[in-house]
Amino acid sequence: FVSIGTSGNVYPAAGLVEIAREAGARTVELNLEPSAGASL
């Protein structure tokens, strides 16, 4: 699961990384700066 160019503030899109993590996917953020959910 890759997130590109998002703020991490708009739901439900911002919650998709948590669904990916629960499913065992590798998660990657590509962004201009850390998003609100960067630690995930």
Full PDB file with SEQRES, HELIX, SHEET, SSBOND, CRYST1, ORIGX, SCALE, CONECT and MASTER records, all heavy atoms in Angstrom:
SEQRES   1 A   40  PHE VAL SER ILE GLY THR SER GLY ASN VAL TYR PRO ALA          
SEQRES   2 A   40  ALA GLY LEU VAL GLU ILE ALA ARG GLU ALA GLY ALA ARG          
SEQRES   3 A   40  THR VAL GLU LEU ASN LEU GLU PRO SER ALA GLY ALA SER          
SEQRES   4 A   40  LEU                                                          
HELIX    1 AA1 ALA A   13  GLY A   15  5                                   3    
HELIX    2 AA2 LEU A   16  GLU A   22  1                                   7    
SHEET    1 AA1 2 VAL A   2  ILE A   4  0                                        
SHEET    2 AA1 2 VAL A  28  LEU A  30  1                                        
CRYST1    1.000    1.000    1.000  90.00  90.00  90.00 P 1           1          
ORIGX1      1.000000  0.000000  0.000000        0.00000                         
ORIGX2      0.000000  1.000000  0.000000        0.00000                         
ORIGX3      0.000000  0.000000  1.000000        0.00000                         
SCALE1      1.000000  0.000000  0.000000        0.00000                         
SCALE2      0.000000  1.000000  0.000000        0.00000                         
SCALE3      0.000000  0.000000  1.000000        0.00000                         
ATOM      1  N   PHE A   1       0.859  -1.182   0.000  1.00  0.00           N  
ATOM      2  CA  PHE A   1       0.000   0.000   0.000  1.00  0.00           C  
ATOM      3  C   PHE A   1       0.889   1.224   0.000  1.00  0.00           C  
ATOM      4  O   PHE A   1       1.761   1.381   0.866  1.00  0.00           O  
ATOM      5  CB  PHE A   1      -0.911   0.012   1.230  1.00  0.00           C  
ATOM      6  CG  PHE A   1      -1.752   1.258   1.348  1.00  0.00           C  
ATOM      7  CD1 PHE A   1      -2.937   1.380   0.631  1.00  0.00           C  
ATOM      8  CD2 PHE A   1      -1.362   2.311   2.166  1.00  0.00           C  
ATOM      9  CE1 PHE A   1      -3.719   2.522   0.730  1.00  0.00           C  
ATOM     10  CE2 PHE A   1      -2.131   3.462   2.283  1.00  0.00           C  
ATOM     11  CZ  PHE A   1      -3.304   3.569   1.560  1.00  0.00           C  
ATOM     12  N   VAL A   2       0.673   2.105  -0.971  1.00  0.00           N  
ATOM     13  CA  VAL A   2       1.496   3.305  -1.119  1.00  0.00           C  
ATOM     14  C   VAL A   2       0.598   4.542  -1.082  1.00  0.00           C  
ATOM     15  O   VAL A   2      -0.401   4.607  -1.795  1.00  0.00           O  
ATOM     16  CB  VAL A   2       2.279   3.283  -2.455  1.00  0.00           C  
ATOM     17  CG1 VAL A   2       3.236   4.471  -2.521  1.00  0.00           C  
ATOM     18  CG2 VAL A   2       3.031   1.972  -2.633  1.00  0.00           C  
ATOM     19  N   SER A   3       0.958   5.510  -0.262  1.00  0.00           N  
ATOM     20  CA  SER A   3       0.219   6.771  -0.174  1.00  0.00           C  
ATOM     21  C   SER A   3       1.099   7.883  -0.723  1.00  0.00           C  
ATOM     22  O   SER A   3       2.240   8.052  -0.288  1.00  0.00           O  
ATOM     23  CB  SER A   3      -0.150   7.060   1.280  1.00  0.00           C  
ATOM     24  OG  SER A   3      -0.808   8.308   1.402  1.00  0.00           O  
ATOM     25  N   ILE A   4       0.569   8.636  -1.681  1.00  0.00           N  
ATOM     26  CA  ILE A   4       1.353   9.672  -2.357  1.00  0.00           C  
ATOM     27  C   ILE A   4       0.607  11.004  -2.326  1.00  0.00           C  
ATOM     28  O   ILE A   4      -0.537  11.106  -2.761  1.00  0.00           O  
ATOM     29  CB  ILE A   4       1.618   9.282  -3.831  1.00  0.00           C  
ATOM     30  CG1 ILE A   4       2.330   7.931  -3.920  1.00  0.00           C  
ATOM     31  CG2 ILE A   4       2.435  10.361  -4.537  1.00  0.00           C  
ATOM     32  CD1 ILE A   4       2.444   7.390  -5.339  1.00  0.00           C  
ATOM     33  N   GLY A   5       1.269  12.026  -1.820  1.00  0.00           N  
ATOM     34  CA  GLY A   5       0.725  13.381  -1.901  1.00  0.00           C  
ATOM     35  C   GLY A   5      -0.529  13.619  -1.101  1.00  0.00           C  
ATOM     36  O   GLY A   5      -1.395  14.391  -1.515  1.00  0.00           O  
ATOM     37  N   THR A   6      -0.648  12.982   0.060  1.00  0.00           N  
ATOM     38  CA  THR A   6      -1.849  13.167   0.875  1.00  0.00           C  
ATOM     39  C   THR A   6      -1.483  13.767   2.240  1.00  0.00           C  
ATOM     40  O   THR A   6      -0.395  13.535   2.753  1.00  0.00           O  
ATOM     41  CB  THR A   6      -2.584  11.828   1.100  1.00  0.00           C  
ATOM     42  OG1 THR A   6      -1.770  10.961   1.900  1.00  0.00           O  
ATOM     43  CG2 THR A   6      -2.879  11.148  -0.220  1.00  0.00           C  
ATOM     44  N   SER A   7      -2.438  14.476   2.810  1.00  0.00           N  
ATOM     45  CA  SER A   7      -2.196  15.127   4.098  1.00  0.00           C  
ATOM     46  C   SER A   7      -2.379  14.178   5.278  1.00  0.00           C  
ATOM     47  O   SER A   7      -1.867  14.415   6.369  1.00  0.00           O  
ATOM     48  CB  SER A   7      -3.152  16.303   4.270  1.00  0.00           C  
ATOM     49  OG  SER A   7      -4.495  15.836   4.355  1.00  0.00           O  
ATOM     50  N   GLY A   8      -3.157  13.113   5.058  1.00  0.00           N  
ATOM     51  CA  GLY A   8      -3.463  12.206   6.159  1.00  0.00           C  
ATOM     52  C   GLY A   8      -4.532  12.743   7.076  1.00  0.00           C  
ATOM     53  O   GLY A   8      -4.775  12.192   8.158  1.00  0.00           O  
ATOM     54  N   ASN A   9      -5.214  13.797   6.650  1.00  0.00           N  
ATOM     55  CA  ASN A   9      -6.247  14.424   7.486  1.00  0.00           C  
ATOM     56  C   ASN A   9      -7.665  14.129   7.012  1.00  0.00           C  
ATOM     57  O   ASN A   9      -8.625  14.416   7.734  1.00  0.00           O  
ATOM     58  CB  ASN A   9      -6.052  15.949   7.508  1.00  0.00           C  
ATOM     59  CG  ASN A   9      -4.836  16.359   8.309  1.00  0.00           C  
ATOM     60  OD1 ASN A   9      -4.620  15.870   9.405  1.00  0.00           O  
ATOM     61  ND2 ASN A   9      -4.021  17.254   7.753  1.00  0.00           N  
ATOM     62  N   VAL A  10      -7.819  13.619   5.799  1.00  0.00           N  
ATOM     63  CA  VAL A  10      -9.145  13.450   5.210  1.00  0.00           C  
ATOM     64  C   VAL A  10      -9.567  11.983   5.292  1.00  0.00           C  
ATOM     65  O   VAL A  10      -8.935  11.110   4.686  1.00  0.00           O  
ATOM     66  CB  VAL A  10      -9.164  13.935   3.747  1.00  0.00           C  
ATOM     67  CG1 VAL A  10     -10.562  13.758   3.153  1.00  0.00           C  
ATOM     68  CG2 VAL A  10      -8.737  15.393   3.655  1.00  0.00           C  
ATOM     69  N   TYR A  11     -10.603  11.745   6.051  1.00  0.00           N  
ATOM     70  CA  TYR A  11     -11.122  10.378   6.204  1.00  0.00           C  
ATOM     71  C   TYR A  11     -12.344  10.189   5.307  1.00  0.00           C  
ATOM     72  O   TYR A  11     -13.019  11.164   4.986  1.00  0.00           O  
ATOM     73  CB  TYR A  11     -11.484  10.121   7.678  1.00  0.00           C  
ATOM     74  CG  TYR A  11     -10.274   9.882   8.535  1.00  0.00           C  
ATOM     75  CD1 TYR A  11      -9.539  10.953   9.037  1.00  0.00           C  
ATOM     76  CD2 TYR A  11      -9.835   8.592   8.828  1.00  0.00           C  
ATOM     77  CE1 TYR A  11      -8.407  10.746   9.815  1.00  0.00           C  
ATOM     78  CE2 TYR A  11      -8.708   8.371   9.613  1.00  0.00           C  
ATOM     79  CZ  TYR A  11      -8.001   9.447  10.092  1.00  0.00           C  
ATOM     80  OH  TYR A  11      -6.887   9.233  10.853  1.00  0.00           O  
ATOM     81  N   PRO A  12     -12.582   8.946   4.851  1.00  0.00           N  
ATOM     82  CA  PRO A  12     -11.958   7.697   5.277  1.00  0.00           C  
ATOM     83  C   PRO A  12     -10.648   7.347   4.575  1.00  0.00           C  
ATOM     84  O   PRO A  12     -10.009   6.361   4.935  1.00  0.00           O  
ATOM     85  CB  PRO A  12     -13.032   6.657   4.949  1.00  0.00           C  
ATOM     86  CG  PRO A  12     -13.728   7.208   3.763  1.00  0.00           C  
ATOM     87  CD  PRO A  12     -13.771   8.702   3.978  1.00  0.00           C  
ATOM     88  N   ALA A  13     -10.204   8.133   3.598  1.00  0.00           N  
ATOM     89  CA  ALA A  13      -8.976   7.794   2.879  1.00  0.00           C  
ATOM     90  C   ALA A  13      -7.785   7.658   3.820  1.00  0.00           C  
ATOM     91  O   ALA A  13      -6.944   6.758   3.668  1.00  0.00           O  
ATOM     92  CB  ALA A  13      -8.698   8.838   1.809  1.00  0.00           C  
ATOM     93  N   ALA A  14      -7.704   8.541   4.813  1.00  0.00           N  
ATOM     94  CA  ALA A  14      -6.566   8.515   5.732  1.00  0.00           C  
ATOM     95  C   ALA A  14      -6.513   7.237   6.556  1.00  0.00           C  
ATOM     96  O   ALA A  14      -5.459   6.878   7.095  1.00  0.00           O  
ATOM     97  CB  ALA A  14      -6.622   9.735   6.650  1.00  0.00           C  
ATOM     98  N   GLY A  15      -7.630   6.546   6.665  1.00  0.00           N  
ATOM     99  CA  GLY A  15      -7.670   5.311   7.438  1.00  0.00           C  
ATOM    100  C   GLY A  15      -7.300   4.064   6.657  1.00  0.00           C  
ATOM    101  O   GLY A  15      -7.193   2.979   7.237  1.00  0.00           O  
ATOM    102  N   LEU A  16      -7.074   4.197   5.363  1.00  0.00           N  
ATOM    103  CA  LEU A  16      -6.771   3.025   4.539  1.00  0.00           C  
ATOM    104  C   LEU A  16      -5.453   2.367   4.926  1.00  0.00           C  
ATOM    105  O   LEU A  16      -5.304   1.149   4.828  1.00  0.00           O  
ATOM    106  CB  LEU A  16      -6.758   3.411   3.057  1.00  0.00           C  
ATOM    107  CG  LEU A  16      -8.103   3.838   2.470  1.00  0.00           C  
ATOM    108  CD1 LEU A  16      -7.938   4.240   1.006  1.00  0.00           C  
ATOM    109  CD2 LEU A  16      -9.142   2.732   2.599  1.00  0.00           C  
ATOM    110  N   VAL A  17      -4.493   3.168   5.363  1.00  0.00           N  
ATOM    111  CA  VAL A  17      -3.208   2.588   5.755  1.00  0.00           C  
ATOM    112  C   VAL A  17      -3.383   1.620   6.919  1.00  0.00           C  
ATOM    113  O   VAL A  17      -2.693   0.590   6.999  1.00  0.00           O  
ATOM    114  CB  VAL A  17      -2.182   3.694   6.107  1.00  0.00           C  
ATOM    115  CG1 VAL A  17      -2.648   4.556   7.266  1.00  0.00           C  
ATOM    116  CG2 VAL A  17      -0.825   3.076   6.409  1.00  0.00           C  
ATOM    117  N   GLU A  18      -4.311   1.902   7.827  1.00  0.00           N  
ATOM    118  CA  GLU A  18      -4.540   0.999   8.953  1.00  0.00           C  
ATOM    119  C   GLU A  18      -5.156  -0.313   8.492  1.00  0.00           C  
ATOM    120  O   GLU A  18      -4.823  -1.389   9.013  1.00  0.00           O  
ATOM    121  CB  GLU A  18      -5.434   1.687   9.981  1.00  0.00           C  
ATOM    122  CG  GLU A  18      -4.792   2.930  10.588  1.00  0.00           C  
ATOM    123  CD  GLU A  18      -5.670   3.599  11.619  1.00  0.00           C  
ATOM    124  OE1 GLU A  18      -5.840   3.010  12.705  1.00  0.00           O  
ATOM    125  OE2 GLU A  18      -6.171   4.694  11.344  1.00  0.00           O  
ATOM    126  N   ILE A  19      -6.038  -0.253   7.508  1.00  0.00           N  
ATOM    127  CA  ILE A  19      -6.612  -1.477   6.945  1.00  0.00           C  
ATOM    128  C   ILE A  19      -5.509  -2.302   6.287  1.00  0.00           C  
ATOM    129  O   ILE A  19      -5.451  -3.536   6.429  1.00  0.00           O  
ATOM    130  CB  ILE A  19      -7.714  -1.137   5.925  1.00  0.00           C  
ATOM    131  CG1 ILE A  19      -8.875  -0.428   6.627  1.00  0.00           C  
ATOM    132  CG2 ILE A  19      -8.203  -2.382   5.189  1.00  0.00           C  
ATOM    133  CD1 ILE A  19      -9.941   0.091   5.683  1.00  0.00           C  
ATOM    134  N   ALA A  20      -4.617  -1.626   5.556  1.00  0.00           N  
ATOM    135  CA  ALA A  20      -3.503  -2.321   4.904  1.00  0.00           C  
ATOM    136  C   ALA A  20      -2.592  -2.978   5.933  1.00  0.00           C  
ATOM    137  O   ALA A  20      -2.162  -4.129   5.751  1.00  0.00           O  
ATOM    138  CB  ALA A  20      -2.720  -1.339   4.044  1.00  0.00           C  
ATOM    139  N   ARG A  21      -2.286  -2.278   7.002  1.00  0.00           N  
ATOM    140  CA  ARG A  21      -1.423  -2.838   8.044  1.00  0.00           C  
ATOM    141  C   ARG A  21      -2.055  -4.068   8.693  1.00  0.00           C  
ATOM    142  O   ARG A  21      -1.378  -5.083   8.923  1.00  0.00           O  
ATOM    143  CB  ARG A  21      -1.143  -1.780   9.117  1.00  0.00           C  
ATOM    144  CG  ARG A  21      -0.129  -0.717   8.680  1.00  0.00           C  
ATOM    145  CD  ARG A  21      -0.113   0.442   9.663  1.00  0.00           C  
ATOM    146  NE  ARG A  21       0.209   0.021  11.014  1.00  0.00           N  
ATOM    147  CZ  ARG A  21       1.450  -0.035  11.503  1.00  0.00           C  
ATOM    148  NH1 ARG A  21       2.474   0.313  10.747  1.00  0.00           N  
ATOM    149  NH2 ARG A  21       1.668  -0.414  12.756  1.00  0.00           N  
ATOM    150  N   GLU A  22      -3.352  -3.977   8.968  1.00  0.00           N  
ATOM    151  CA  GLU A  22      -4.046  -5.112   9.575  1.00  0.00           C  
ATOM    152  C   GLU A  22      -4.036  -6.331   8.668  1.00  0.00           C  
ATOM    153  O   GLU A  22      -4.045  -7.479   9.132  1.00  0.00           O  
ATOM    154  CB  GLU A  22      -5.487  -4.720   9.918  1.00  0.00           C  
ATOM    155  CG  GLU A  22      -5.600  -3.725  11.067  1.00  0.00           C  
ATOM    156  CD  GLU A  22      -7.021  -3.223  11.256  1.00  0.00           C  
ATOM    157  OE1 GLU A  22      -7.927  -3.718  10.544  1.00  0.00           O  
ATOM    158  OE2 GLU A  22      -7.226  -2.336  12.111  1.00  0.00           O  
ATOM    159  N   ALA A  23      -3.998  -6.079   7.349  1.00  0.00           N  
ATOM    160  CA  ALA A  23      -3.983  -7.178   6.380  1.00  0.00           C  
ATOM    161  C   ALA A  23      -2.576  -7.712   6.139  1.00  0.00           C  
ATOM    162  O   ALA A  23      -2.410  -8.672   5.383  1.00  0.00           O  
ATOM    163  CB  ALA A  23      -4.589  -6.704   5.066  1.00  0.00           C  
ATOM    164  N   GLY A  24      -1.575  -7.082   6.748  1.00  0.00           N  
ATOM    165  CA  GLY A  24      -0.207  -7.554   6.600  1.00  0.00           C  
ATOM    166  C   GLY A  24       0.551  -6.971   5.424  1.00  0.00           C  
ATOM    167  O   GLY A  24       1.632  -7.451   5.071  1.00  0.00           O  
ATOM    168  N   ALA A  25       0.012  -5.935   4.808  1.00  0.00           N  
ATOM    169  CA  ALA A  25       0.672  -5.316   3.657  1.00  0.00           C  
ATOM    170  C   ALA A  25       1.841  -4.446   4.115  1.00  0.00           C  
ATOM    171  O   ALA A  25       1.843  -3.917   5.229  1.00  0.00           O  
ATOM    172  CB  ALA A  25      -0.321  -4.472   2.871  1.00  0.00           C  
ATOM    173  N   ARG A  26       2.805  -4.290   3.238  1.00  0.00           N  
ATOM    174  CA  ARG A  26       3.864  -3.311   3.467  1.00  0.00           C  
ATOM    175  C   ARG A  26       3.288  -1.935   3.129  1.00  0.00           C  
ATOM    176  O   ARG A  26       2.563  -1.785   2.139  1.00  0.00           O  
ATOM    177  CB  ARG A  26       5.086  -3.606   2.607  1.00  0.00           C  
ATOM    178  CG  ARG A  26       6.216  -2.600   2.801  1.00  0.00           C  
ATOM    179  CD  ARG A  26       7.537  -3.068   2.238  1.00  0.00           C  
ATOM    180  NE  ARG A  26       8.594  -2.092   2.487  1.00  0.00           N  
ATOM    181  CZ  ARG A  26       9.200  -1.896   3.649  1.00  0.00           C  
ATOM    182  NH1 ARG A  26       8.836  -2.636   4.690  1.00  0.00           N  
ATOM    183  NH2 ARG A  26      10.156  -0.994   3.784  1.00  0.00           N  
ATOM    184  N   THR A  27       3.605  -0.944   3.927  1.00  0.00           N  
ATOM    185  CA  THR A  27       3.024   0.389   3.735  1.00  0.00           C  
ATOM    186  C   THR A  27       4.130   1.415   3.510  1.00  0.00           C  
ATOM    187  O   THR A  27       5.133   1.435   4.230  1.00  0.00           O  
ATOM    188  CB  THR A  27       2.167   0.795   4.946  1.00  0.00           C  
ATOM    189  OG1 THR A  27       2.958   0.746   6.138  1.00  0.00           O  
ATOM    190  CG2 THR A  27       0.973  -0.151   5.094  1.00  0.00           C  
ATOM    191  N   VAL A  28       3.919   2.274   2.511  1.00  0.00           N  
ATOM    192  CA  VAL A  28       4.935   3.249   2.125  1.00  0.00           C  
ATOM    193  C   VAL A  28       4.279   4.614   1.933  1.00  0.00           C  
ATOM    194  O   VAL A  28       3.229   4.715   1.290  1.00  0.00           O  
ATOM    195  CB  VAL A  28       5.641   2.838   0.812  1.00  0.00           C  
ATOM    196  CG1 VAL A  28       6.672   3.888   0.398  1.00  0.00           C  
ATOM    197  CG2 VAL A  28       6.294   1.468   0.950  1.00  0.00           C  
ATOM    198  N   GLU A  29       4.887   5.648   2.479  1.00  0.00           N  
ATOM    199  CA  GLU A  29       4.431   7.021   2.257  1.00  0.00           C  
ATOM    200  C   GLU A  29       5.455   7.763   1.410  1.00  0.00           C  
ATOM    201  O   GLU A  29       6.638   7.818   1.750  1.00  0.00           O  
ATOM    202  CB  GLU A  29       4.229   7.746   3.582  1.00  0.00           C  
ATOM    203  CG  GLU A  29       3.890   9.236   3.399  1.00  0.00           C  
ATOM    204  CD  GLU A  29       3.441   9.924   4.666  1.00  0.00           C  
ATOM    205  OE1 GLU A  29       2.222   9.881   4.943  1.00  0.00           O  
ATOM    206  OE2 GLU A  29       4.304  10.475   5.390  1.00  0.00           O  
ATOM    207  N   LEU A  30       4.979   8.339   0.298  1.00  0.00           N  
ATOM    208  CA  LEU A  30       5.795   9.201  -0.550  1.00  0.00           C  
ATOM    209  C   LEU A  30       5.115  10.564  -0.547  1.00  0.00           C  
ATOM    210  O   LEU A  30       4.019  10.719  -1.076  1.00  0.00           O  
ATOM    211  CB  LEU A  30       5.869   8.643  -1.976  1.00  0.00           C  
ATOM    212  CG  LEU A  30       6.349   7.202  -2.128  1.00  0.00           C  
ATOM    213  CD1 LEU A  30       6.276   6.772  -3.592  1.00  0.00           C  
ATOM    214  CD2 LEU A  30       7.770   7.038  -1.590  1.00  0.00           C  
ATOM    215  N   ASN A  31       5.762  11.548   0.044  1.00  0.00           N  
ATOM    216  CA  ASN A  31       5.074  12.822   0.275  1.00  0.00           C  
ATOM    217  C   ASN A  31       6.083  13.960   0.305  1.00  0.00           C  
ATOM    218  O   ASN A  31       7.291  13.736   0.448  1.00  0.00           O  
ATOM    219  CB  ASN A  31       4.320  12.766   1.610  1.00  0.00           C  
ATOM    220  CG  ASN A  31       2.996  13.507   1.572  1.00  0.00           C  
ATOM    221  OD1 ASN A  31       2.585  14.044   0.552  1.00  0.00           O  
ATOM    222  ND2 ASN A  31       2.321  13.554   2.711  1.00  0.00           N  
ATOM    223  N   LEU A  32       5.591  15.166   0.177  1.00  0.00           N  
ATOM    224  CA  LEU A  32       6.463  16.324   0.263  1.00  0.00           C  
ATOM    225  C   LEU A  32       6.984  16.489   1.685  1.00  0.00           C  
ATOM    226  O   LEU A  32       8.131  16.900   1.908  1.00  0.00           O  
ATOM    227  CB  LEU A  32       5.711  17.584  -0.180  1.00  0.00           C  
ATOM    228  CG  LEU A  32       6.534  18.860  -0.328  1.00  0.00           C  
ATOM    229  CD1 LEU A  32       7.624  18.677  -1.388  1.00  0.00           C  
ATOM    230  CD2 LEU A  32       5.633  20.035  -0.697  1.00  0.00           C  
ATOM    231  N   GLU A  33       6.142  16.153   2.653  1.00  0.00           N  
ATOM    232  CA  GLU A  33       6.504  16.209   4.066  1.00  0.00           C  
ATOM    233  C   GLU A  33       5.686  15.161   4.812  1.00  0.00           C  
ATOM    234  O   GLU A  33       4.711  14.625   4.266  1.00  0.00           O  
ATOM    235  CB  GLU A  33       6.217  17.603   4.629  1.00  0.00           C  
ATOM    236  CG  GLU A  33       4.767  18.035   4.481  1.00  0.00           C  
ATOM    237  CD  GLU A  33       4.557  19.496   4.847  1.00  0.00           C  
ATOM    238  OE1 GLU A  33       5.562  20.230   4.945  1.00  0.00           O  
ATOM    239  OE2 GLU A  33       3.394  19.878   5.055  1.00  0.00           O  
ATOM    240  N   PRO A  34       6.072  14.819   6.040  1.00  0.00           N  
ATOM    241  CA  PRO A  34       5.318  13.787   6.770  1.00  0.00           C  
ATOM    242  C   PRO A  34       3.844  14.144   6.907  1.00  0.00           C  
ATOM    243  O   PRO A  34       3.496  15.275   7.243  1.00  0.00           O  
ATOM    244  CB  PRO A  34       6.016  13.751   8.138  1.00  0.00           C  
ATOM    245  CG  PRO A  34       7.411  14.211   7.854  1.00  0.00           C  
ATOM    246  CD  PRO A  34       7.262  15.265   6.781  1.00  0.00           C  
ATOM    247  N   SER A  35       2.982  13.180   6.642  1.00  0.00           N  
ATOM    248  CA  SER A  35       1.545  13.381   6.791  1.00  0.00           C  
ATOM    249  C   SER A  35       1.156  13.202   8.251  1.00  0.00           C  
ATOM    250  O   SER A  35       1.983  12.832   9.100  1.00  0.00           O  
ATOM    251  CB  SER A  35       0.776  12.371   5.931  1.00  0.00           C  
ATOM    252  OG  SER A  35       0.884  11.073   6.499  1.00  0.00           O  
ATOM    253  N   ALA A  36      -0.110  13.432   8.543  1.00  0.00           N  
ATOM    254  CA  ALA A  36      -0.600  13.255   9.910  1.00  0.00           C  
ATOM    255  C   ALA A  36      -0.479  11.809  10.369  1.00  0.00           C  
ATOM    256  O   ALA A  36      -0.383  11.536  11.560  1.00  0.00           O  
ATOM    257  CB  ALA A  36      -2.057  13.717  10.000  1.00  0.00           C  
ATOM    258  N   GLY A  37      -0.463  10.865   9.413  1.00  0.00           N  
ATOM    259  CA  GLY A  37      -0.367   9.451   9.761  1.00  0.00           C  
ATOM    260  C   GLY A  37       0.969   8.835   9.407  1.00  0.00           C  
ATOM    261  O   GLY A  37       1.072   7.612   9.250  1.00  0.00           O  
ATOM    262  N   ALA A  38       2.006   9.635   9.325  1.00  0.00           N  
ATOM    263  CA  ALA A  38       3.316   9.149   8.864  1.00  0.00           C  
ATOM    264  C   ALA A  38       3.845   7.982   9.692  1.00  0.00           C  
ATOM    265  O   ALA A  38       4.511   7.078   9.161  1.00  0.00           O  
ATOM    266  CB  ALA A  38       4.325  10.288   8.861  1.00  0.00           C  
ATOM    267  N   SER A  39       3.569   7.980  10.984  1.00  0.00           N  
ATOM    268  CA  SER A  39       4.100   6.925  11.861  1.00  0.00           C  
ATOM    269  C   SER A  39       3.512   5.553  11.565  1.00  0.00           C  
ATOM    270  O   SER A  39       4.031   4.542  12.038  1.00  0.00           O  
ATOM    271  CB  SER A  39       3.840   7.291  13.323  1.00  0.00           C  
ATOM    272  OG  SER A  39       2.439   7.362  13.580  1.00  0.00           O  
ATOM    273  N   LEU A  40       2.435   5.503  10.774  1.00  0.00           N  
ATOM    274  CA  LEU A  40       1.788   4.232  10.465  1.00  0.00           C  
ATOM    275  C   LEU A  40       2.442   3.512   9.278  1.00  0.00           C  
ATOM    276  O   LEU A  40       2.089   2.368   8.983  1.00  0.00           O  
ATOM    277  CB  LEU A  40       0.303   4.462  10.147  1.00  0.00           C  
ATOM    278  CG  LEU A  40      -0.547   5.023  11.295  1.00  0.00           C  
ATOM    279  CD1 LEU A  40      -1.942   5.381  10.793  1.00  0.00           C  
ATOM    280  CD2 LEU A  40      -0.638   4.017  12.432  1.00  0.00           C  
TER     281      LEU A  40                                                      
MASTER        0    0    0    2    2    0    0    6  280    1    0    4          
END                                                                             
